[in-house]
Amino acid sequence: MKTFWWVLAGLALLVGVLGVQVMGRTRPSAGCTSSVVIVRGPHGEPVECVCFDGVVSTCFHPGP
């Protein structure tokens, strides 16, 4: 029974760490005045973002 509680505690810790990682990610903040905006990515490179209803939907590296 002791092993069960250690496994349960480890899983809870893992879920907590993953939750912090997911919540800590930031999206580029852009004023979505058109359907496509170009902003700076997390490493300073240009990133194209698609906006739907004034909210950034998805971002990708510009290219052909």
PDB file of N, CA and C in Angstrom:
ATOM      1  N   MET A   1       0.825  -1.192   0.000  1.00  0.00           N
ATOM      2  CA  MET A   1       0.000   0.000   0.000  1.00  0.00           C
ATOM      3  C   MET A   1       0.872   1.259   0.000  1.00  0.00           C
ATOM      4  N   LYS A   2       2.038   1.151   0.607  1.00  0.00           N
ATOM      5  CA  LYS A   2       2.950   2.286   0.656  1.00  0.00           C
ATOM      6  C   LYS A   2       3.418   2.652  -0.756  1.00  0.00           C
ATOM      7  N   THR A   3       3.664   1.666  -1.588  1.00  0.00           N
ATOM      8  CA  THR A   3       4.091   1.895  -2.963  1.00  0.00           C
ATOM      9  C   THR A   3       3.006   2.625  -3.751  1.00  0.00           C
ATOM     10  N   PHE A   4       1.771   2.257  -3.518  1.00  0.00           N
ATOM     11  CA  PHE A   4       0.644   2.915  -4.193  1.00  0.00           C
ATOM     12  C   PHE A   4       0.650   4.409  -3.925  1.00  0.00           C
ATOM     13  N   TRP A   5       0.850   4.818  -2.693  1.00  0.00           N
ATOM     14  CA  TRP A   5       0.835   6.234  -2.344  1.00  0.00           C
ATOM     15  C   TRP A   5       2.018   6.973  -2.940  1.00  0.00           C
ATOM     16  N   TRP A   6       3.183   6.317  -3.022  1.00  0.00           N
ATOM     17  CA  TRP A   6       4.349   6.943  -3.649  1.00  0.00           C
ATOM     18  C   TRP A   6       4.110   7.142  -5.152  1.00  0.00           C
ATOM     19  N   VAL A   7       3.514   6.146  -5.796  1.00  0.00           N
ATOM     20  CA  VAL A   7       3.204   6.273  -7.224  1.00  0.00           C
ATOM     21  C   VAL A   7       2.170   7.370  -7.432  1.00  0.00           C
ATOM     22  N   LEU A   8       1.160   7.427  -6.615  1.00  0.00           N
ATOM     23  CA  LEU A   8       0.130   8.457  -6.711  1.00  0.00           C
ATOM     24  C   LEU A   8       0.726   9.851  -6.497  1.00  0.00           C
ATOM     25  N   ALA A   9       1.609   9.991  -5.531  1.00  0.00           N
ATOM     26  CA  ALA A   9       2.259  11.280  -5.277  1.00  0.00           C
ATOM     27  C   ALA A   9       3.144  11.674  -6.460  1.00  0.00           C
ATOM     28  N   GLY A  10       3.857  10.724  -7.041  1.00  0.00           N
ATOM     29  CA  GLY A  10       4.693  10.998  -8.207  1.00  0.00           C
ATOM     30  C   GLY A  10       3.867  11.440  -9.407  1.00  0.00           C
ATOM     31  N   LEU A  11       2.738  10.786  -9.624  1.00  0.00           N
ATOM     32  CA  LEU A  11       1.865  11.177 -10.723  1.00  0.00           C
ATOM     33  C   LEU A  11       1.289  12.572 -10.503  1.00  0.00           C
ATOM     34  N   ALA A  12       0.906  12.872  -9.285  1.00  0.00           N
ATOM     35  CA  ALA A  12       0.378  14.207  -8.973  1.00  0.00           C
ATOM     36  C   ALA A  12       1.449  15.275  -9.208  1.00  0.00           C
ATOM     37  N   LEU A  13       2.678  14.986  -8.836  1.00  0.00           N
ATOM     38  CA  LEU A  13       3.782  15.916  -9.063  1.00  0.00           C
ATOM     39  C   LEU A  13       4.015  16.116 -10.561  1.00  0.00           C
ATOM     40  N   LEU A  14       3.973  15.040 -11.314  1.00  0.00           N
ATOM     41  CA  LEU A  14       4.162  15.109 -12.756  1.00  0.00           C
ATOM     42  C   LEU A  14       3.064  15.953 -13.425  1.00  0.00           C
ATOM     43  N   VAL A  15       1.827  15.747 -13.017  1.00  0.00           N
ATOM     44  CA  VAL A  15       0.712  16.528 -13.561  1.00  0.00           C
ATOM     45  C   VAL A  15       0.886  18.000 -13.209  1.00  0.00           C
ATOM     46  N   GLY A  16       1.333  18.288 -11.999  1.00  0.00           N
ATOM     47  CA  GLY A  16       1.556  19.673 -11.593  1.00  0.00           C
ATOM     48  C   GLY A  16       2.645  20.349 -12.407  1.00  0.00           C
ATOM     49  N   VAL A  17       3.741  19.649 -12.635  1.00  0.00           N
ATOM     50  CA  VAL A  17       4.850  20.206 -13.425  1.00  0.00           C
ATOM     51  C   VAL A  17       4.404  20.440 -14.868  1.00  0.00           C
ATOM     52  N   LEU A  18       3.696  19.485 -15.449  1.00  0.00           N
ATOM     53  CA  LEU A  18       3.211  19.652 -16.812  1.00  0.00           C
ATOM     54  C   LEU A  18       2.215  20.804 -16.913  1.00  0.00           C
ATOM     55  N   GLY A  19       1.381  20.967 -15.915  1.00  0.00           N
ATOM     56  CA  GLY A  19       0.439  22.077 -15.896  1.00  0.00           C
ATOM     57  C   GLY A  19       1.141  23.423 -15.865  1.00  0.00           C
ATOM     58  N   VAL A  20       2.197  23.529 -15.082  1.00  0.00           N
ATOM     59  CA  VAL A  20       2.964  24.772 -15.016  1.00  0.00           C
ATOM     60  C   VAL A  20       3.636  25.036 -16.363  1.00  0.00           C
ATOM     61  N   GLN A  21       4.153  24.001 -17.015  1.00  0.00           N
ATOM     62  CA  GLN A  21       4.792  24.165 -18.319  1.00  0.00           C
ATOM     63  C   GLN A  21       3.801  24.667 -19.362  1.00  0.00           C
ATOM     64  N   VAL A  22       2.623  24.090 -19.389  1.00  0.00           N
ATOM     65  CA  VAL A  22       1.622  24.486 -20.377  1.00  0.00           C
ATOM     66  C   VAL A  22       1.131  25.902 -20.106  1.00  0.00           C
ATOM     67  N   MET A  23       0.899  26.241 -18.859  1.00  0.00           N
ATOM     68  CA  MET A  23       0.392  27.572 -18.524  1.00  0.00           C
ATOM     69  C   MET A  23       1.467  28.641 -18.695  1.00  0.00           C
ATOM     70  N   GLY A  24       2.737  28.257 -18.643  1.00  0.00           N
ATOM     71  CA  GLY A  24       3.829  29.216 -18.761  1.00  0.00           C
ATOM     72  C   GLY A  24       4.128  29.626 -20.189  1.00  0.00           C
ATOM     73  N   ARG A  25       3.635  28.898 -21.169  1.00  0.00           N
ATOM     74  CA  ARG A  25       3.877  29.249 -22.560  1.00  0.00           C
ATOM     75  C   ARG A  25       3.066  30.481 -22.926  1.00  0.00           C
ATOM     76  N   THR A  26       3.717  31.376 -23.636  1.00  0.00           N
ATOM     77  CA  THR A  26       3.029  32.587 -24.052  1.00  0.00           C
ATOM     78  C   THR A  26       2.929  32.619 -25.565  1.00  0.00           C
ATOM     79  N   ARG A  27       1.835  33.113 -26.025  1.00  0.00           N
ATOM     80  CA  ARG A  27       1.656  33.317 -27.449  1.00  0.00           C
ATOM     81  C   ARG A  27       2.075  34.741 -27.782  1.00  0.00           C
ATOM     82  N   PRO A  28       2.505  34.959 -28.986  1.00  0.00           N
ATOM     83  CA  PRO A  28       2.826  36.333 -29.370  1.00  0.00           C
ATOM     84  C   PRO A  28       1.582  37.204 -29.285  1.00  0.00           C
ATOM     85  N   SER A  29       1.715  38.327 -28.641  1.00  0.00           N
ATOM     86  CA  SER A  29       0.571  39.218 -28.541  1.00  0.00           C
ATOM     87  C   SER A  29       0.611  40.175 -29.723  1.00  0.00           C
ATOM     88  N   ALA A  30      -0.413  40.158 -30.499  1.00  0.00           N
ATOM     89  CA  ALA A  30      -0.482  41.028 -31.669  1.00  0.00           C
ATOM     90  C   ALA A  30      -1.873  41.620 -31.745  1.00  0.00           C
ATOM     91  N   GLY A  31      -1.915  42.849 -32.177  1.00  0.00           N
ATOM     92  CA  GLY A  31      -3.211  43.449 -32.411  1.00  0.00           C
ATOM     93  C   GLY A  31      -3.736  42.899 -33.728  1.00  0.00           C
ATOM     94  N   CYS A  32      -4.701  42.052 -33.665  1.00  0.00           N
ATOM     95  CA  CYS A  32      -5.223  41.403 -34.867  1.00  0.00           C
ATOM     96  C   CYS A  32      -6.131  42.372 -35.610  1.00  0.00           C
ATOM     97  N   THR A  33      -5.510  43.259 -36.374  1.00  0.00           N
ATOM     98  CA  THR A  33      -6.280  44.212 -37.159  1.00  0.00           C
ATOM     99  C   THR A  33      -6.603  43.649 -38.532  1.00  0.00           C
ATOM    100  N   SER A  34      -5.906  42.588 -38.949  1.00  0.00           N
ATOM    101  CA  SER A  34      -6.200  41.931 -40.224  1.00  0.00           C
ATOM    102  C   SER A  34      -6.211  40.424 -39.983  1.00  0.00           C
ATOM    103  N   SER A  35      -6.334  39.651 -41.062  1.00  0.00           N
ATOM    104  CA  SER A  35      -6.417  38.199 -40.885  1.00  0.00           C
ATOM    105  C   SER A  35      -5.053  37.555 -40.688  1.00  0.00           C
ATOM    106  N   VAL A  36      -3.967  38.233 -41.129  1.00  0.00           N
ATOM    107  CA  VAL A  36      -2.612  37.713 -40.953  1.00  0.00           C
ATOM    108  C   VAL A  36      -1.740  38.837 -40.428  1.00  0.00           C
ATOM    109  N   VAL A  37      -0.984  38.567 -39.361  1.00  0.00           N
ATOM    110  CA  VAL A  37      -0.047  39.539 -38.807  1.00  0.00           C
ATOM    111  C   VAL A  37       1.319  38.887 -38.690  1.00  0.00           C
ATOM    112  N   ILE A  38       2.371  39.686 -38.760  1.00  0.00           N
ATOM    113  CA  ILE A  38       3.733  39.185 -38.591  1.00  0.00           C
ATOM    114  C   ILE A  38       4.268  39.783 -37.297  1.00  0.00           C
ATOM    115  N   VAL A  39       4.702  38.923 -36.393  1.00  0.00           N
ATOM    116  CA  VAL A  39       5.222  39.342 -35.084  1.00  0.00           C
ATOM    117  C   VAL A  39       6.566  38.682 -34.855  1.00  0.00           C
ATOM    118  N   ARG A  40       7.228  39.040 -33.785  1.00  0.00           N
ATOM    119  CA  ARG A  40       8.490  38.412 -33.387  1.00  0.00           C
ATOM    120  C   ARG A  40       8.179  37.167 -32.561  1.00  0.00           C
ATOM    121  N   GLY A  41       8.866  36.075 -32.893  1.00  0.00           N
ATOM    122  CA  GLY A  41       8.690  34.830 -32.160  1.00  0.00           C
ATOM    123  C   GLY A  41       9.481  34.840 -30.868  1.00  0.00           C
ATOM    124  N   PRO A  42       9.494  33.727 -30.138  1.00  0.00           N
ATOM    125  CA  PRO A  42      10.179  33.656 -28.850  1.00  0.00           C
ATOM    126  C   PRO A  42      11.690  33.844 -28.953  1.00  0.00           C
ATOM    127  N   HIS A  43      12.276  33.571 -30.129  1.00  0.00           N
ATOM    128  CA  HIS A  43      13.721  33.704 -30.297  1.00  0.00           C
ATOM    129  C   HIS A  43      14.074  34.902 -31.171  1.00  0.00           C
ATOM    130  N   GLY A  44      13.108  35.793 -31.410  1.00  0.00           N
ATOM    131  CA  GLY A  44      13.355  37.001 -32.171  1.00  0.00           C
ATOM    132  C   GLY A  44      13.132  36.875 -33.670  1.00  0.00           C
ATOM    133  N   GLU A  45      12.815  35.693 -34.151  1.00  0.00           N
ATOM    134  CA  GLU A  45      12.594  35.499 -35.585  1.00  0.00           C
ATOM    135  C   GLU A  45      11.174  35.926 -35.945  1.00  0.00           C
ATOM    136  N   PRO A  46      10.960  36.347 -37.211  1.00  0.00           N
ATOM    137  CA  PRO A  46       9.601  36.721 -37.605  1.00  0.00           C
ATOM    138  C   PRO A  46       8.698  35.494 -37.695  1.00  0.00           C
ATOM    139  N   VAL A  47       7.465  35.656 -37.251  1.00  0.00           N
ATOM    140  CA  VAL A  47       6.486  34.575 -37.253  1.00  0.00           C
ATOM    141  C   VAL A  47       5.182  35.137 -37.811  1.00  0.00           C
ATOM    142  N   GLU A  48       4.553  34.399 -38.731  1.00  0.00           N
ATOM    143  CA  GLU A  48       3.255  34.804 -39.257  1.00  0.00           C
ATOM    144  C   GLU A  48       2.161  34.177 -38.403  1.00  0.00           C
ATOM    145  N   CYS A  49       1.191  34.983 -38.009  1.00  0.00           N
ATOM    146  CA  CYS A  49       0.083  34.490 -37.195  1.00  0.00           C
ATOM    147  C   CYS A  49      -1.228  34.759 -37.918  1.00  0.00           C
ATOM    148  N   VAL A  50      -2.122  33.808 -37.863  1.00  0.00           N
ATOM    149  CA  VAL A  50      -3.446  33.927 -38.468  1.00  0.00           C
ATOM    150  C   VAL A  50      -4.432  34.285 -37.360  1.00  0.00           C
ATOM    151  N   CYS A  51      -5.286  35.267 -37.645  1.00  0.00           N
ATOM    152  CA  CYS A  51      -6.264  35.732 -36.658  1.00  0.00           C
ATOM    153  C   CYS A  51      -7.680  35.381 -37.099  1.00  0.00           C
ATOM    154  N   PHE A  52      -8.485  34.950 -36.150  1.00  0.00           N
ATOM    155  CA  PHE A  52      -9.906  34.721 -36.358  1.00  0.00           C
ATOM    156  C   PHE A  52     -10.665  35.483 -35.291  1.00  0.00           C
ATOM    157  N   ASP A  53     -11.598  36.325 -35.697  1.00  0.00           N
ATOM    158  CA  ASP A  53     -12.417  37.128 -34.786  1.00  0.00           C
ATOM    159  C   ASP A  53     -11.568  37.972 -33.842  1.00  0.00           C
ATOM    160  N   GLY A  54     -10.450  38.514 -34.342  1.00  0.00           N
ATOM    161  CA  GLY A  54      -9.602  39.392 -33.549  1.00  0.00           C
ATOM    162  C   GLY A  54      -8.708  38.698 -32.546  1.00  0.00           C
ATOM    163  N   VAL A  55      -8.619  37.362 -32.613  1.00  0.00           N
ATOM    164  CA  VAL A  55      -7.799  36.591 -31.673  1.00  0.00           C
ATOM    165  C   VAL A  55      -6.772  35.783 -32.464  1.00  0.00           C
ATOM    166  N   VAL A  56      -5.517  35.751 -31.970  1.00  0.00           N
ATOM    167  CA  VAL A  56      -4.477  34.965 -32.626  1.00  0.00           C
ATOM    168  C   VAL A  56      -4.863  33.499 -32.552  1.00  0.00           C
ATOM    169  N   SER A  57      -4.921  32.855 -33.718  1.00  0.00           N
ATOM    170  CA  SER A  57      -5.350  31.463 -33.772  1.00  0.00           C
ATOM    171  C   SER A  57      -4.160  30.520 -33.845  1.00  0.00           C
ATOM    172  N   THR A  58      -3.291  30.719 -34.839  1.00  0.00           N
ATOM    173  CA  THR A  58      -2.146  29.846 -35.010  1.00  0.00           C
ATOM    174  C   THR A  58      -0.992  30.646 -35.601  1.00  0.00           C
ATOM    175  N   CYS A  59       0.223  30.227 -35.321  1.00  0.00           N
ATOM    176  CA  CYS A  59       1.411  30.907 -35.824  1.00  0.00           C
ATOM    177  C   CYS A  59       2.338  29.888 -36.485  1.00  0.00           C
ATOM    178  N   PHE A  60       3.054  30.354 -37.506  1.00  0.00           N
ATOM    179  CA  PHE A  60       3.992  29.484 -38.205  1.00  0.00           C
ATOM    180  C   PHE A  60       5.105  30.330 -38.784  1.00  0.00           C
ATOM    181  N   HIS A  61       6.213  29.669 -39.157  1.00  0.00           N
ATOM    182  CA  HIS A  61       7.355  30.356 -39.752  1.00  0.00           C
ATOM    183  C   HIS A  61       7.006  30.764 -41.175  1.00  0.00           C
ATOM    184  N   PRO A  62       7.294  31.998 -41.572  1.00  0.00           N
ATOM    185  CA  PRO A  62       6.964  32.430 -42.921  1.00  0.00           C
ATOM    186  C   PRO A  62       7.832  31.711 -43.947  1.00  0.00           C
ATOM    187  N   GLY A  63       7.281  31.510 -45.085  1.00  0.00           N
ATOM    188  CA  GLY A  63       8.032  30.857 -46.147  1.00  0.00           C
ATOM    189  C   GLY A  63       7.127  30.509 -47.313  1.00  0.00           C
ATOM    190  N   PRO A  64       7.705  29.911 -48.321  1.00  0.00           N
ATOM    191  CA  PRO A  64       6.899  29.581 -49.511  1.00  0.00           C
ATOM    192  C   PRO A  64       5.899  28.479 -49.243  1.00  0.00           C
TER     193      PRO A  64
END
